[in-house]
C-alpha atoms as a PDB file:
ATOM      1  CA  MET A   1     -59.524  11.199 -32.510  1.00  0.00           C
ATOM      2  CA  LYS A   2     -59.450  13.178 -29.286  1.00  0.00           C
ATOM      3  CA  ILE A   3     -56.980  12.153 -26.548  1.00  0.00           C
ATOM      4  CA  ASN A   4     -58.362  12.146 -23.024  1.00  0.00           C
ATOM      5  CA  PRO A   5     -55.776  13.842 -20.740  1.00  0.00           C
ATOM      6  CA  LEU A   6     -57.045  11.989 -17.656  1.00  0.00           C
ATOM      7  CA  LYS A   7     -56.595   8.563 -19.270  1.00  0.00           C
ATOM      8  CA  THR A   8     -53.172   9.546 -20.616  1.00  0.00           C
ATOM      9  CA  THR A   9     -52.015  10.740 -17.199  1.00  0.00           C
ATOM     10  CA  LEU A  10     -53.276   7.565 -15.531  1.00  0.00           C
ATOM     11  CA  LEU A  11     -51.551   5.370 -18.124  1.00  0.00           C
ATOM     12  CA  ILE A  12     -48.226   7.192 -17.747  1.00  0.00           C
ATOM     13  CA  SER A  13     -48.462   6.940 -13.937  1.00  0.00           C
ATOM     14  CA  LEU A  14     -49.130   3.184 -14.075  1.00  0.00           C
ATOM     15  CA  ILE A  15     -46.217   2.644 -16.459  1.00  0.00           C
ATOM     16  CA  GLY A  16     -43.941   4.642 -14.142  1.00  0.00           C
ATOM     17  CA  ILE A  17     -44.995   2.621 -11.085  1.00  0.00           C
ATOM     18  CA  LEU A  18     -44.447  -0.648 -12.956  1.00  0.00           C
ATOM     19  CA  PHE A  19     -41.000   0.548 -14.044  1.00  0.00           C
ATOM     20  CA  LEU A  20     -40.068   1.420 -10.434  1.00  0.00           C
ATOM     21  CA  LEU A  21     -41.229  -2.001  -9.204  1.00  0.00           C
ATOM     22  CA  ILE A  22     -39.110  -3.745 -11.812  1.00  0.00           C
ATOM     23  CA  LEU A  23     -36.068  -1.616 -10.963  1.00  0.00           C
ATOM     24  CA  SER A  24     -36.432  -2.246  -7.224  1.00  0.00           C
ATOM     25  CA  ASN A  25     -36.114  -5.991  -7.837  1.00  0.00           C
ATOM     26  CA  PHE A  26     -32.889  -5.656  -9.823  1.00  0.00           C
ATOM     27  CA  LEU A  27     -31.025  -2.873  -8.036  1.00  0.00           C
ATOM     28  CA  GLN A  28     -29.024  -3.785  -4.950  1.00  0.00           C
ATOM     29  CA  PRO A  29     -27.415  -1.532  -2.364  1.00  0.00           C
ATOM     30  CA  ARG A  30     -23.690  -1.055  -2.815  1.00  0.00           C
ATOM     31  CA  LEU A  31     -21.344  -3.357  -0.915  1.00  0.00           C
ATOM     32  CA  ILE A  32     -19.913  -1.729   2.216  1.00  0.00           C
ATOM     33  CA  GLU A  33     -17.435  -2.841   4.847  1.00  0.00           C
ATOM     34  CA  ILE A  34     -18.738  -3.580   8.332  1.00  0.00           C
ATOM     35  CA  LYS A  35     -16.600  -0.808   9.862  1.00  0.00           C
ATOM     36  CA  ASP A  36     -18.526   1.722   7.750  1.00  0.00           C
ATOM     37  CA  ILE A  37     -21.889   0.862   9.343  1.00  0.00           C
ATOM     38  CA  ASN A  38     -22.847   3.678  11.712  1.00  0.00           C
ATOM     39  CA  ASP A  39     -25.847   5.599  13.051  1.00  0.00           C
ATOM     40  CA  ASN A  40     -26.161   7.486   9.746  1.00  0.00           C
ATOM     41  CA  LEU A  41     -27.223   4.216   8.095  1.00  0.00           C
ATOM     42  CA  LEU A  42     -30.041   3.436  10.556  1.00  0.00           C
ATOM     43  CA  ASN A  43     -33.157   2.215   8.705  1.00  0.00           C
ATOM     44  CA  LYS A  44     -31.277   2.131   5.376  1.00  0.00           C
ATOM     45  CA  LYS A  45     -30.609  -0.858   3.126  1.00  0.00           C
ATOM     46  CA  VAL A  46     -27.035  -2.116   3.012  1.00  0.00           C
ATOM     47  CA  ARG A  47     -25.145  -5.053   1.533  1.00  0.00           C
ATOM     48  CA  VAL A  48     -22.284  -6.667   3.442  1.00  0.00           C
ATOM     49  CA  GLN A  49     -20.409  -9.907   3.169  1.00  0.00           C
ATOM     50  CA  GLY A  50     -18.309 -11.907   5.553  1.00  0.00           C
ATOM     51  CA  GLU A  51     -17.633 -15.166   7.342  1.00  0.00           C
ATOM     52  CA  ILE A  52     -20.100 -16.622   9.839  1.00  0.00           C
ATOM     53  CA  LEU A  53     -18.681 -16.637  13.376  1.00  0.00           C
ATOM     54  CA  ASN A  54     -21.669 -17.831  15.391  1.00  0.00           C
ATOM     55  CA  ILE A  55     -25.314 -18.783  14.920  1.00  0.00           C
ATOM     56  CA  LYS A  56     -27.977 -18.624  17.637  1.00  0.00           C
ATOM     57  CA  ASN A  57     -31.299 -20.319  16.902  1.00  0.00           C
ATOM     58  CA  TYR A  58     -34.488 -19.481  18.734  1.00  0.00           C
ATOM     59  CA  GLU A  59     -36.679 -22.434  17.736  1.00  0.00           C
ATOM     60  CA  ASP A  60     -39.808 -21.311  19.567  1.00  0.00           C
ATOM     61  CA  SER A  61     -39.978 -18.089  17.589  1.00  0.00           C
ATOM     62  CA  SER A  62     -38.361 -19.077  14.240  1.00  0.00           C
ATOM     63  CA  PHE A  63     -35.735 -16.425  14.846  1.00  0.00           C
ATOM     64  CA  GLN A  64     -31.993 -16.563  14.198  1.00  0.00           C
ATOM     65  CA  VAL A  65     -29.068 -14.295  15.094  1.00  0.00           C
ATOM     66  CA  ILE A  66     -25.976 -14.735  12.927  1.00  0.00           C
ATOM     67  CA  SER A  67     -22.663 -13.054  13.757  1.00  0.00           C
ATOM     68  CA  ILE A  68     -20.442 -12.336  10.763  1.00  0.00           C
ATOM     69  CA  ARG A  69     -17.085 -10.662  10.289  1.00  0.00           C
ATOM     70  CA  ASP A  70     -15.094  -9.221   7.464  1.00  0.00           C
ATOM     71  CA  GLU A  71     -11.552  -7.841   7.494  1.00  0.00           C
ATOM     72  CA  THR A  72     -12.774  -4.637   9.170  1.00  0.00           C
ATOM     73  CA  GLY A  73     -15.116  -5.768  11.950  1.00  0.00           C
ATOM     74  CA  LYS A  74     -18.093  -7.864  12.979  1.00  0.00           C
ATOM     75  CA  ILE A  75     -21.849  -7.397  13.213  1.00  0.00           C
ATOM     76  CA  ASP A  76     -24.947  -9.389  14.103  1.00  0.00           C
ATOM     77  CA  LEU A  77     -27.639 -10.220  11.570  1.00  0.00           C
ATOM     78  CA  THR A  78     -31.190 -11.128  12.480  1.00  0.00           C
ATOM     79  CA  THR A  79     -33.553 -13.168  10.358  1.00  0.00           C
ATOM     80  CA  ASN A  80     -37.104 -14.371  10.881  1.00  0.00           C
ATOM     81  CA  LYS A  81     -36.314 -17.796   9.420  1.00  0.00           C
ATOM     82  CA  ILE A  82     -34.180 -20.661  10.618  1.00  0.00           C
ATOM     83  CA  LEU A  83     -31.615 -21.033   7.835  1.00  0.00           C
ATOM     84  CA  ASN A  84     -29.391 -24.041   7.226  1.00  0.00           C
ATOM     85  CA  LEU A  85     -26.048 -22.265   7.671  1.00  0.00           C
ATOM     86  CA  THR A  86     -22.867 -23.275   9.483  1.00  0.00           C
ATOM     87  CA  ASN A  87     -19.917 -21.473  11.037  1.00  0.00           C
ATOM     88  CA  SER A  88     -17.078 -20.440   8.676  1.00  0.00           C
ATOM     89  CA  GLN A  89     -19.363 -20.161   5.627  1.00  0.00           C
ATOM     90  CA  ARG A  90     -19.004 -16.951   3.629  1.00  0.00           C
ATOM     91  CA  ILE A  91     -22.246 -15.096   2.998  1.00  0.00           C
ATOM     92  CA  ALA A  92     -23.484 -11.882   1.442  1.00  0.00           C
ATOM     93  CA  VAL A  93     -26.408 -10.122   3.107  1.00  0.00           C
ATOM     94  CA  ILE A  94     -28.844  -7.460   1.987  1.00  0.00           C
ATOM     95  CA  GLY A  95     -30.792  -5.920   4.843  1.00  0.00           C
ATOM     96  CA  THR A  96     -31.750  -2.916   6.913  1.00  0.00           C
ATOM     97  CA  VAL A  97     -29.533  -1.438   9.610  1.00  0.00           C
ATOM     98  CA  THR A  98     -31.339  -1.445  12.964  1.00  0.00           C
ATOM     99  CA  GLU A  99     -30.406  -0.858  16.587  1.00  0.00           C
ATOM    100  CA  TYR A 100     -30.956  -3.224  19.519  1.00  0.00           C
ATOM    101  CA  ASN A 101     -29.720  -2.484  23.058  1.00  0.00           C
ATOM    102  CA  GLN A 102     -27.588   0.368  21.698  1.00  0.00           C
ATOM    103  CA  TYR A 103     -25.790  -1.958  19.221  1.00  0.00           C
ATOM    104  CA  LEU A 104     -26.178  -1.764  15.479  1.00  0.00           C
ATOM    105  CA  GLN A 105     -27.299  -4.897  13.659  1.00  0.00           C
ATOM    106  CA  ILE A 106     -28.729  -5.822  10.274  1.00  0.00           C
ATOM    107  CA  GLN A 107     -32.244  -7.195   9.781  1.00  0.00           C
ATOM    108  CA  ALA A 108     -31.551  -9.519   6.843  1.00  0.00           C
ATOM    109  CA  ASP A 109     -33.869  -9.527   3.843  1.00  0.00           C
ATOM    110  CA  LYS A 110     -31.738 -11.793   1.637  1.00  0.00           C
ATOM    111  CA  ILE A 111     -28.763 -14.017   2.452  1.00  0.00           C
ATOM    112  CA  PHE A 112     -26.582 -15.572  -0.262  1.00  0.00           C
ATOM    113  CA  LEU A 113     -23.788 -18.129   0.067  1.00  0.00           C
ATOM    114  CA  ILE A 114     -20.481 -17.025  -1.476  1.00  0.00           C
ATOM    115  CA  LYS A 115     -18.455 -19.820  -3.030  1.00  0.00           C
END
């Protein structure tokens, strides 16, 4: 039986892509403190956790800005959903560091309650 190199290469490529997709769902960015967020992290995924200080809802656009703090500082999170959160709750956030009006913020992808 003769092995077709083109089919073998295609099969190995598809397996590799599937493996990367599976890994991307299970791997999370490392937890960092808010004080460590700087311009070097722009457009990179980060994970932070802290206590909610303030929540601003923008009903007309389904947009929410959440201010959180940890022991080292505070930062604003933005999300494209209106979430049922309250002040003083502790949350963990995975998102991308962005800049708005010369201030760093995090565009949240996932938000988890910490008990």
